Amino acid sequence: MTKLQDKVRFASGGRGNYDLVVSAFVAMLLISNVGATKLIQFGPSWEVAGYPVLPIITDGGAILFPLTYVLGDVLAEVYGMAKARRAIWTGFGFAGLMSVCFMLVDAAPPASDWPNQDAWHAVLGFVPRIVVASLCGYLVGQFLNAYVVVAIKRRMLERGLWVRLVSSTVVGEFADTVVFCFIAFGPLGNWMGGDSIPWGSLLNYTLVGWIYKTLVEVACLPVTYRVISAVKRREPDYVSVGLDRA
């Protein structure tokens, strides 16, 4: 009889897609944190009663970050609060690790013939402050997003998927955007070595960010529906596998 220690053994990765969803979720979070170091504006200057309506101000993280909420909806809808919480804390840990790594690289002495230290510091040296802001907003927003999805689902069961997706987006994105903007570019962030932007621009930036990210998620609802349906079908222990059309 073959001894157990003489057999080739591997751990089972499971048959579902949870690991793939979490990997994409974390990757989008990290990329967005770096992209958020650049502020972007569109349009000419225009004020109404002293309030700057234009230009529209956002940051590079807005390109990809809304999709983390789409995946957050998938995690909460398909896997429940416990698995969503695990994914959220996983993203938190890796984003923190990225920030520490960039801080150490920034502090390390550059090679004598490498001329880009100032450029590195100007862009990625700013990341720790952005990551602190992002992580605070991320934790508040993602936990609220998951909580709303699960709470509404417990009442409506498989019906009304769009209700919980839209409701969770409005609540989660609002909390996330307000916390992020006021730490990253408001007075709360000054103690971390950055400069705040004027209050009018900060309010513009916050409102534009919230509205934009909410609209992106609403526009992505057909895609989110299909992704949720596909993930449910590929989870062996998910009872209801049909696409929620209520």
C-alpha atoms as a PDB file:
ATOM      1  CA  MET A   1       0.000   0.000   0.000  1.00  0.00           C
ATOM      2  CA  THR A   2       1.356   3.444  -0.998  1.00  0.00           C
ATOM      3  CA  LYS A   3       2.130   5.670   1.957  1.00  0.00           C
ATOM      4  CA  LEU A   4       0.260   8.992   2.122  1.00  0.00           C
ATOM      5  CA  GLN A   5       3.498  11.007   2.113  1.00  0.00           C
ATOM      6  CA  ASP A   6       4.562   9.286  -1.127  1.00  0.00           C
ATOM      7  CA  LYS A   7       1.550  10.567  -3.062  1.00  0.00           C
ATOM      8  CA  VAL A   8       1.520  13.788  -5.045  1.00  0.00           C
ATOM      9  CA  ARG A   9      -1.008  16.087  -3.357  1.00  0.00           C
ATOM     10  CA  PHE A  10      -2.451  19.465  -4.282  1.00  0.00           C
ATOM     11  CA  ALA A  11      -5.014  21.649  -2.547  1.00  0.00           C
ATOM     12  CA  SER A  12      -8.383  21.981  -4.226  1.00  0.00           C
ATOM     13  CA  GLY A  13      -9.062  25.518  -5.475  1.00  0.00           C
ATOM     14  CA  GLY A  14     -12.799  24.983  -5.504  1.00  0.00           C
ATOM     15  CA  ARG A  15     -15.105  24.951  -8.491  1.00  0.00           C
ATOM     16  CA  GLY A  16     -16.478  28.474  -8.311  1.00  0.00           C
ATOM     17  CA  ASN A  17     -15.212  31.860  -9.477  1.00  0.00           C
ATOM     18  CA  TYR A  18     -14.776  33.618  -6.143  1.00  0.00           C
ATOM     19  CA  ASP A  19     -10.975  33.762  -6.467  1.00  0.00           C
ATOM     20  CA  LEU A  20     -11.192  35.309  -9.948  1.00  0.00           C
ATOM     21  CA  VAL A  21     -13.695  37.949  -8.845  1.00  0.00           C
ATOM     22  CA  VAL A  22     -11.561  38.875  -5.828  1.00  0.00           C
ATOM     23  CA  SER A  23      -8.393  39.051  -7.973  1.00  0.00           C
ATOM     24  CA  ALA A  24     -10.050  41.452 -10.430  1.00  0.00           C
ATOM     25  CA  PHE A  25     -11.498  43.461  -7.542  1.00  0.00           C
ATOM     26  CA  VAL A  26      -8.096  43.919  -5.881  1.00  0.00           C
ATOM     27  CA  ALA A  27      -6.296  44.654  -9.171  1.00  0.00           C
ATOM     28  CA  MET A  28      -8.743  47.428 -10.088  1.00  0.00           C
ATOM     29  CA  LEU A  29      -8.401  48.943  -6.625  1.00  0.00           C
ATOM     30  CA  LEU A  30      -4.589  49.088  -6.833  1.00  0.00           C
ATOM     31  CA  ILE A  31      -4.540  50.515 -10.361  1.00  0.00           C
ATOM     32  CA  SER A  32      -7.104  53.146  -9.370  1.00  0.00           C
ATOM     33  CA  ASN A  33      -5.067  54.221  -6.349  1.00  0.00           C
ATOM     34  CA  VAL A  34      -2.095  55.035  -8.562  1.00  0.00           C
ATOM     35  CA  GLY A  35      -4.266  56.690 -11.226  1.00  0.00           C
ATOM     36  CA  ALA A  36      -5.872  58.900  -8.587  1.00  0.00           C
ATOM     37  CA  THR A  37      -2.597  60.800  -8.091  1.00  0.00           C
ATOM     38  CA  LYS A  38      -3.404  62.836 -11.208  1.00  0.00           C
ATOM     39  CA  LEU A  39      -6.193  65.404 -11.215  1.00  0.00           C
ATOM     40  CA  ILE A  40      -7.969  65.813 -14.556  1.00  0.00           C
ATOM     41  CA  GLN A  41     -10.185  68.654 -15.739  1.00  0.00           C
ATOM     42  CA  PHE A  42     -12.482  69.128 -18.703  1.00  0.00           C
ATOM     43  CA  GLY A  43     -14.022  72.299 -20.105  1.00  0.00           C
ATOM     44  CA  PRO A  44     -13.426  76.042 -19.782  1.00  0.00           C
ATOM     45  CA  SER A  45     -13.722  78.082 -16.593  1.00  0.00           C
ATOM     46  CA  TRP A  46     -17.320  79.091 -15.793  1.00  0.00           C
ATOM     47  CA  GLU A  47     -18.766  80.385 -12.528  1.00  0.00           C
ATOM     48  CA  VAL A  48     -22.377  80.867 -11.461  1.00  0.00           C
ATOM     49  CA  ALA A  49     -22.879  83.239  -8.515  1.00  0.00           C
ATOM     50  CA  GLY A  50     -19.237  82.775  -7.597  1.00  0.00           C
ATOM     51  CA  TYR A  51     -19.461  78.971  -7.637  1.00  0.00           C
ATOM     52  CA  PRO A  52     -17.174  77.207 -10.168  1.00  0.00           C
ATOM     53  CA  VAL A  53     -19.442  75.040 -12.333  1.00  0.00           C
ATOM     54  CA  LEU A  54     -16.726  74.415 -14.929  1.00  0.00           C
ATOM     55  CA  PRO A  55     -14.184  73.037 -15.492  1.00  0.00           C
ATOM     56  CA  ILE A  56     -15.224  69.545 -14.447  1.00  0.00           C
ATOM     57  CA  ILE A  57     -12.564  68.208 -12.085  1.00  0.00           C
ATOM     58  CA  THR A  58     -11.931  64.534 -11.423  1.00  0.00           C
ATOM     59  CA  ASP A  59      -8.926  62.228 -11.061  1.00  0.00           C
ATOM     60  CA  GLY A  60      -7.381  59.359 -12.982  1.00  0.00           C
ATOM     61  CA  GLY A  61      -8.824  56.818 -10.585  1.00  0.00           C
ATOM     62  CA  ALA A  62     -12.304  57.607 -11.897  1.00  0.00           C
ATOM     63  CA  ILE A  63     -11.500  55.720 -15.103  1.00  0.00           C
ATOM     64  CA  LEU A  64     -11.444  52.314 -13.440  1.00  0.00           C
ATOM     65  CA  PHE A  65     -12.550  52.694  -9.823  1.00  0.00           C
ATOM     66  CA  PRO A  66     -16.335  52.535 -10.490  1.00  0.00           C
ATOM     67  CA  LEU A  67     -15.829  48.977 -11.712  1.00  0.00           C
ATOM     68  CA  THR A  68     -14.639  47.958  -8.239  1.00  0.00           C
ATOM     69  CA  TYR A  69     -18.173  48.734  -7.077  1.00  0.00           C
ATOM     70  CA  VAL A  70     -19.600  46.611  -9.872  1.00  0.00           C
ATOM     71  CA  LEU A  71     -17.479  43.711  -8.612  1.00  0.00           C
ATOM     72  CA  GLY A  72     -18.396  44.634  -5.044  1.00  0.00           C
ATOM     73  CA  ASP A  73     -22.041  44.195  -6.037  1.00  0.00           C
ATOM     74  CA  VAL A  74     -21.205  40.795  -7.539  1.00  0.00           C
ATOM     75  CA  LEU A  75     -19.450  39.705  -4.356  1.00  0.00           C
ATOM     76  CA  ALA A  76     -22.281  40.806  -2.059  1.00  0.00           C
ATOM     77  CA  GLU A  77     -25.096  39.544  -4.322  1.00  0.00           C
ATOM     78  CA  VAL A  78     -23.608  36.118  -5.046  1.00  0.00           C
ATOM     79  CA  TYR A  79     -21.467  35.308  -2.012  1.00  0.00           C
ATOM     80  CA  GLY A  80     -23.045  37.256   0.844  1.00  0.00           C
ATOM     81  CA  MET A  81     -21.664  39.575   3.481  1.00  0.00           C
ATOM     82  CA  ALA A  82     -19.012  37.261   4.927  1.00  0.00           C
ATOM     83  CA  LYS A  83     -17.269  36.610   1.597  1.00  0.00           C
ATOM     84  CA  ALA A  84     -17.662  40.245   0.528  1.00  0.00           C
ATOM     85  CA  ARG A  85     -16.074  41.326   3.817  1.00  0.00           C
ATOM     86  CA  ARG A  86     -13.138  38.969   3.184  1.00  0.00           C
ATOM     87  CA  ALA A  87     -12.589  40.478  -0.282  1.00  0.00           C
ATOM     88  CA  ILE A  88     -12.805  44.041   1.058  1.00  0.00           C
ATOM     89  CA  TRP A  89     -10.190  43.366   3.727  1.00  0.00           C
ATOM     90  CA  THR A  90      -7.979  41.614   1.154  1.00  0.00           C
ATOM     91  CA  GLY A  91      -8.049  44.731  -1.031  1.00  0.00           C
ATOM     92  CA  PHE A  92      -7.336  46.874   2.009  1.00  0.00           C
ATOM     93  CA  GLY A  93      -4.274  44.804   2.895  1.00  0.00           C
ATOM     94  CA  PHE A  94      -2.737  44.877  -0.573  1.00  0.00           C
ATOM     95  CA  ALA A  95      -3.387  48.588  -1.038  1.00  0.00           C
ATOM     96  CA  GLY A  96      -1.655  49.243   2.266  1.00  0.00           C
ATOM     97  CA  LEU A  97       1.269  47.040   1.202  1.00  0.00           C
ATOM     98  CA  MET A  98       1.540  48.971  -2.074  1.00  0.00           C
ATOM     99  CA  SER A  99       1.660  52.251  -0.198  1.00  0.00           C
ATOM    100  CA  VAL A 100       4.394  51.056   2.176  1.00  0.00           C
ATOM    101  CA  CYS A 101       6.403  49.676  -0.748  1.00  0.00           C
ATOM    102  CA  PHE A 102       6.214  52.973  -2.653  1.00  0.00           C
ATOM    103  CA  MET A 103       7.223  54.885   0.482  1.00  0.00           C
ATOM    104  CA  LEU A 104      10.313  52.693   0.915  1.00  0.00           C
ATOM    105  CA  VAL A 105      11.265  52.990  -2.763  1.00  0.00           C
ATOM    106  CA  ASP A 106      10.819  56.757  -2.594  1.00  0.00           C
ATOM    107  CA  ALA A 107      13.002  56.988   0.523  1.00  0.00           C
ATOM    108  CA  ALA A 108      15.748  54.753  -0.890  1.00  0.00           C
ATOM    109  CA  PRO A 109      18.745  56.661  -2.318  1.00  0.00           C
ATOM    110  CA  PRO A 110      18.636  56.777  -6.127  1.00  0.00           C
ATOM    111  CA  ALA A 111      21.517  55.575  -8.266  1.00  0.00           C
ATOM    112  CA  SER A 112      23.981  58.358  -9.086  1.00  0.00           C
ATOM    113  CA  ASP A 113      23.242  58.163 -12.826  1.00  0.00           C
ATOM    114  CA  TRP A 114      19.424  57.863 -12.475  1.00  0.00           C
ATOM    115  CA  PRO A 115      17.897  61.326 -13.133  1.00  0.00           C
ATOM    116  CA  ASN A 116      14.231  60.621 -12.350  1.00  0.00           C
ATOM    117  CA  GLN A 117      14.053  60.779  -8.551  1.00  0.00           C
ATOM    118  CA  ASP A 118      12.181  64.097  -8.552  1.00  0.00           C
ATOM    119  CA  ALA A 119       9.694  62.777 -11.096  1.00  0.00           C
ATOM    120  CA  TRP A 120       9.162  59.608  -9.049  1.00  0.00           C
ATOM    121  CA  HIS A 121       8.631  61.574  -5.856  1.00  0.00           C
ATOM    122  CA  ALA A 122       6.308  64.090  -7.525  1.00  0.00           C
ATOM    123  CA  VAL A 123       3.957  61.350  -8.722  1.00  0.00           C
ATOM    124  CA  LEU A 124       4.347  58.204  -6.633  1.00  0.00           C
ATOM    125  CA  GLY A 125       5.624  60.030  -3.584  1.00  0.00           C
ATOM    126  CA  PHE A 126       2.103  61.402  -3.343  1.00  0.00           C
ATOM    127  CA  VAL A 127       0.545  57.935  -3.382  1.00  0.00           C
ATOM    128  CA  PRO A 128       0.641  57.286   0.406  1.00  0.00           C
ATOM    129  CA  ARG A 129      -1.659  60.242   1.053  1.00  0.00           C
ATOM    130  CA  ILE A 130      -3.923  59.130  -1.786  1.00  0.00           C
ATOM    131  CA  VAL A 131      -3.921  55.570  -0.461  1.00  0.00           C
ATOM    132  CA  VAL A 132      -4.845  56.710   3.070  1.00  0.00           C
ATOM    133  CA  ALA A 133      -7.740  58.690   1.585  1.00  0.00           C
ATOM    134  CA  SER A 134      -8.667  55.853  -0.747  1.00  0.00           C
ATOM    135  CA  LEU A 135      -8.570  53.201   1.959  1.00  0.00           C
ATOM    136  CA  CYS A 136     -10.712  55.222   4.354  1.00  0.00           C
ATOM    137  CA  GLY A 137     -13.272  55.963   1.642  1.00  0.00           C
ATOM    138  CA  TYR A 138     -12.990  52.436   0.292  1.00  0.00           C
ATOM    139  CA  LEU A 139     -13.713  50.761   3.629  1.00  0.00           C
ATOM    140  CA  VAL A 140     -16.702  52.986   4.383  1.00  0.00           C
ATOM    141  CA  GLY A 141     -18.080  52.844   0.842  1.00  0.00           C
ATOM    142  CA  GLN A 142     -17.573  49.151   0.140  1.00  0.00           C
ATOM    143  CA  PHE A 143     -18.950  47.989   3.476  1.00  0.00           C
ATOM    144  CA  LEU A 144     -22.012  50.219   3.036  1.00  0.00           C
ATOM    145  CA  ASN A 145     -22.382  48.987  -0.542  1.00  0.00           C
ATOM    146  CA  ALA A 146     -22.280  45.336   0.532  1.00  0.00           C
ATOM    147  CA  TYR A 147     -24.553  45.952   3.521  1.00  0.00           C
ATOM    148  CA  VAL A 148     -27.231  47.607   1.386  1.00  0.00           C
ATOM    149  CA  VAL A 149     -27.138  44.820  -1.230  1.00  0.00           C
ATOM    150  CA  VAL A 150     -27.466  42.088   1.413  1.00  0.00           C
ATOM    151  CA  ALA A 151     -30.079  43.931   3.505  1.00  0.00           C
ATOM    152  CA  ILE A 152     -32.368  44.540   0.526  1.00  0.00           C
ATOM    153  CA  LYS A 153     -31.856  40.993  -0.769  1.00  0.00           C
ATOM    154  CA  ARG A 154     -32.981  39.556   2.555  1.00  0.00           C
ATOM    155  CA  ARG A 155     -36.273  41.402   2.095  1.00  0.00           C
ATOM    156  CA  MET A 156     -36.768  40.922  -1.651  1.00  0.00           C
ATOM    157  CA  LEU A 157     -34.935  37.599  -2.120  1.00  0.00           C
ATOM    158  CA  GLU A 158     -34.055  37.147  -5.821  1.00  0.00           C
ATOM    159  CA  ARG A 159     -36.494  39.818  -6.986  1.00  0.00           C
ATOM    160  CA  GLY A 160     -35.602  43.427  -7.819  1.00  0.00           C
ATOM    161  CA  LEU A 161     -31.889  43.077  -8.467  1.00  0.00           C
ATOM    162  CA  TRP A 162     -31.771  46.563  -9.984  1.00  0.00           C
ATOM    163  CA  VAL A 163     -33.165  48.049  -6.746  1.00  0.00           C
ATOM    164  CA  ARG A 164     -30.334  46.772  -4.609  1.00  0.00           C
ATOM    165  CA  LEU A 165     -27.686  47.530  -7.221  1.00  0.00           C
ATOM    166  CA  VAL A 166     -28.740  51.154  -7.690  1.00  0.00           C
ATOM    167  CA  SER A 167     -29.439  51.764  -3.984  1.00  0.00           C
ATOM    168  CA  SER A 168     -26.105  50.338  -2.890  1.00  0.00           C
ATOM    169  CA  THR A 169     -24.306  52.395  -5.532  1.00  0.00           C
ATOM    170  CA  VAL A 170     -25.869  55.691  -4.476  1.00  0.00           C
ATOM    171  CA  VAL A 171     -25.094  55.095  -0.790  1.00  0.00           C
ATOM    172  CA  GLY A 172     -21.657  53.496  -1.147  1.00  0.00           C
ATOM    173  CA  GLU A 173     -20.291  55.857  -3.799  1.00  0.00           C
ATOM    174  CA  PHE A 174     -21.466  58.921  -1.892  1.00  0.00           C
ATOM    175  CA  ALA A 175     -19.714  57.867   1.322  1.00  0.00           C
ATOM    176  CA  ASP A 176     -16.591  56.776  -0.550  1.00  0.00           C
ATOM    177  CA  THR A 177     -16.314  59.977  -2.598  1.00  0.00           C
ATOM    178  CA  VAL A 178     -16.868  62.374   0.301  1.00  0.00           C
ATOM    179  CA  VAL A 179     -14.337  60.652   2.564  1.00  0.00           C
ATOM    180  CA  PHE A 180     -11.746  60.291  -0.202  1.00  0.00           C
ATOM    181  CA  CYS A 181     -11.997  63.861  -1.507  1.00  0.00           C
ATOM    182  CA  PHE A 182     -11.816  65.544   1.880  1.00  0.00           C
ATOM    183  CA  ILE A 183      -8.785  63.540   2.984  1.00  0.00           C
ATOM    184  CA  ALA A 184      -6.933  63.526  -0.348  1.00  0.00           C
ATOM    185  CA  PHE A 185      -7.476  67.144  -1.388  1.00  0.00           C
ATOM    186  CA  GLY A 186      -9.184  68.895   1.514  1.00  0.00           C
ATOM    187  CA  PRO A 187      -7.875  70.406   4.753  1.00  0.00           C
ATOM    188  CA  LEU A 188      -7.913  66.981   6.435  1.00  0.00           C
ATOM    189  CA  GLY A 189      -5.013  65.909   4.240  1.00  0.00           C
ATOM    190  CA  ASN A 190      -2.668  68.827   4.999  1.00  0.00           C
ATOM    191  CA  TRP A 191      -1.079  67.062   7.959  1.00  0.00           C
ATOM    192  CA  MET A 192       0.105  64.339   5.554  1.00  0.00           C
ATOM    193  CA  GLY A 193       2.226  66.786   3.597  1.00  0.00           C
ATOM    194  CA  GLY A 194      -0.108  67.669   0.747  1.00  0.00           C
ATOM    195  CA  ASP A 195      -1.857  70.846  -0.290  1.00  0.00           C
ATOM    196  CA  SER A 196      -5.599  71.328  -0.204  1.00  0.00           C
ATOM    197  CA  ILE A 197      -7.542  72.699  -3.153  1.00  0.00           C
ATOM    198  CA  PRO A 198     -10.015  75.636  -2.864  1.00  0.00           C
ATOM    199  CA  TRP A 199     -13.392  74.829  -1.324  1.00  0.00           C
ATOM    200  CA  GLY A 200     -15.292  75.560  -4.525  1.00  0.00           C
ATOM    201  CA  SER A 201     -13.086  73.222  -6.520  1.00  0.00           C
ATOM    202  CA  LEU A 202     -13.270  70.617  -3.755  1.00  0.00           C
ATOM    203  CA  LEU A 203     -17.075  70.687  -3.803  1.00  0.00           C
ATOM    204  CA  ASN A 204     -17.052  70.497  -7.605  1.00  0.00           C
ATOM    205  CA  TYR A 205     -14.604  67.596  -7.471  1.00  0.00           C
ATOM    206  CA  THR A 206     -16.686  65.743  -4.864  1.00  0.00           C
ATOM    207  CA  LEU A 207     -20.057  66.163  -6.580  1.00  0.00           C
ATOM    208  CA  VAL A 208     -18.675  65.387 -10.034  1.00  0.00           C
ATOM    209  CA  GLY A 209     -16.922  62.290  -8.704  1.00  0.00           C
ATOM    210  CA  TRP A 210     -20.047  60.975  -6.973  1.00  0.00           C
ATOM    211  CA  ILE A 211     -22.388  61.667  -9.881  1.00  0.00           C
ATOM    212  CA  TYR A 212     -19.953  60.347 -12.474  1.00  0.00           C
ATOM    213  CA  LYS A 213     -19.207  57.099 -10.638  1.00  0.00           C
ATOM    214  CA  THR A 214     -22.891  56.536  -9.904  1.00  0.00           C
ATOM    215  CA  LEU A 215     -23.846  57.089 -13.549  1.00  0.00           C
ATOM    216  CA  VAL A 216     -21.088  54.730 -14.707  1.00  0.00           C
ATOM    217  CA  GLU A 217     -22.448  51.978 -12.492  1.00  0.00           C
ATOM    218  CA  VAL A 218     -26.015  52.616 -13.642  1.00  0.00           C
ATOM    219  CA  ALA A 219     -24.834  52.479 -17.262  1.00  0.00           C
ATOM    220  CA  CYS A 220     -23.084  49.205 -16.456  1.00  0.00           C
ATOM    221  CA  LEU A 221     -26.252  47.588 -15.052  1.00  0.00           C
ATOM    222  CA  PRO A 222     -26.814  45.373 -18.134  1.00  0.00           C
ATOM    223  CA  VAL A 223     -23.231  44.141 -17.854  1.00  0.00           C
ATOM    224  CA  THR A 224     -23.534  43.704 -14.080  1.00  0.00           C
ATOM    225  CA  TYR A 225     -26.723  41.663 -14.573  1.00  0.00           C
ATOM    226  CA  ARG A 226     -24.950  39.331 -16.989  1.00  0.00           C
ATOM    227  CA  VAL A 227     -21.850  38.986 -14.813  1.00  0.00           C
ATOM    228  CA  ILE A 228     -23.941  38.196 -11.726  1.00  0.00           C
ATOM    229  CA  SER A 229     -26.000  35.672 -13.689  1.00  0.00           C
ATOM    230  CA  ALA A 230     -22.865  34.020 -15.103  1.00  0.00           C
ATOM    231  CA  VAL A 231     -21.177  33.807 -11.699  1.00  0.00           C
ATOM    232  CA  LYS A 232     -24.318  32.369 -10.094  1.00  0.00           C
ATOM    233  CA  ARG A 233     -24.541  29.666 -12.763  1.00  0.00           C
ATOM    234  CA  ARG A 234     -20.932  28.662 -12.113  1.00  0.00           C
ATOM    235  CA  GLU A 235     -21.323  28.373  -8.353  1.00  0.00           C
ATOM    236  CA  PRO A 236     -22.345  24.750  -7.614  1.00  0.00           C
ATOM    237  CA  ASP A 237     -24.007  25.585  -4.298  1.00  0.00           C
ATOM    238  CA  TYR A 238     -25.972  28.631  -5.453  1.00  0.00           C
ATOM    239  CA  VAL A 239     -29.624  27.565  -5.439  1.00  0.00           C
ATOM    240  CA  SER A 240     -31.167  30.169  -7.717  1.00  0.00           C
ATOM    241  CA  VAL A 241     -29.137  30.419 -10.909  1.00  0.00           C
ATOM    242  CA  GLY A 242     -31.474  32.322 -13.209  1.00  0.00           C
ATOM    243  CA  LEU A 243     -31.012  35.950 -14.151  1.00  0.00           C
ATOM    244  CA  ASP A 244     -33.138  38.166 -11.914  1.00  0.00           C
ATOM    245  CA  ARG A 245     -35.497  40.008 -14.249  1.00  0.00           C
ATOM    246  CA  ALA A 246     -37.808  41.509 -11.625  1.00  0.00           C
END
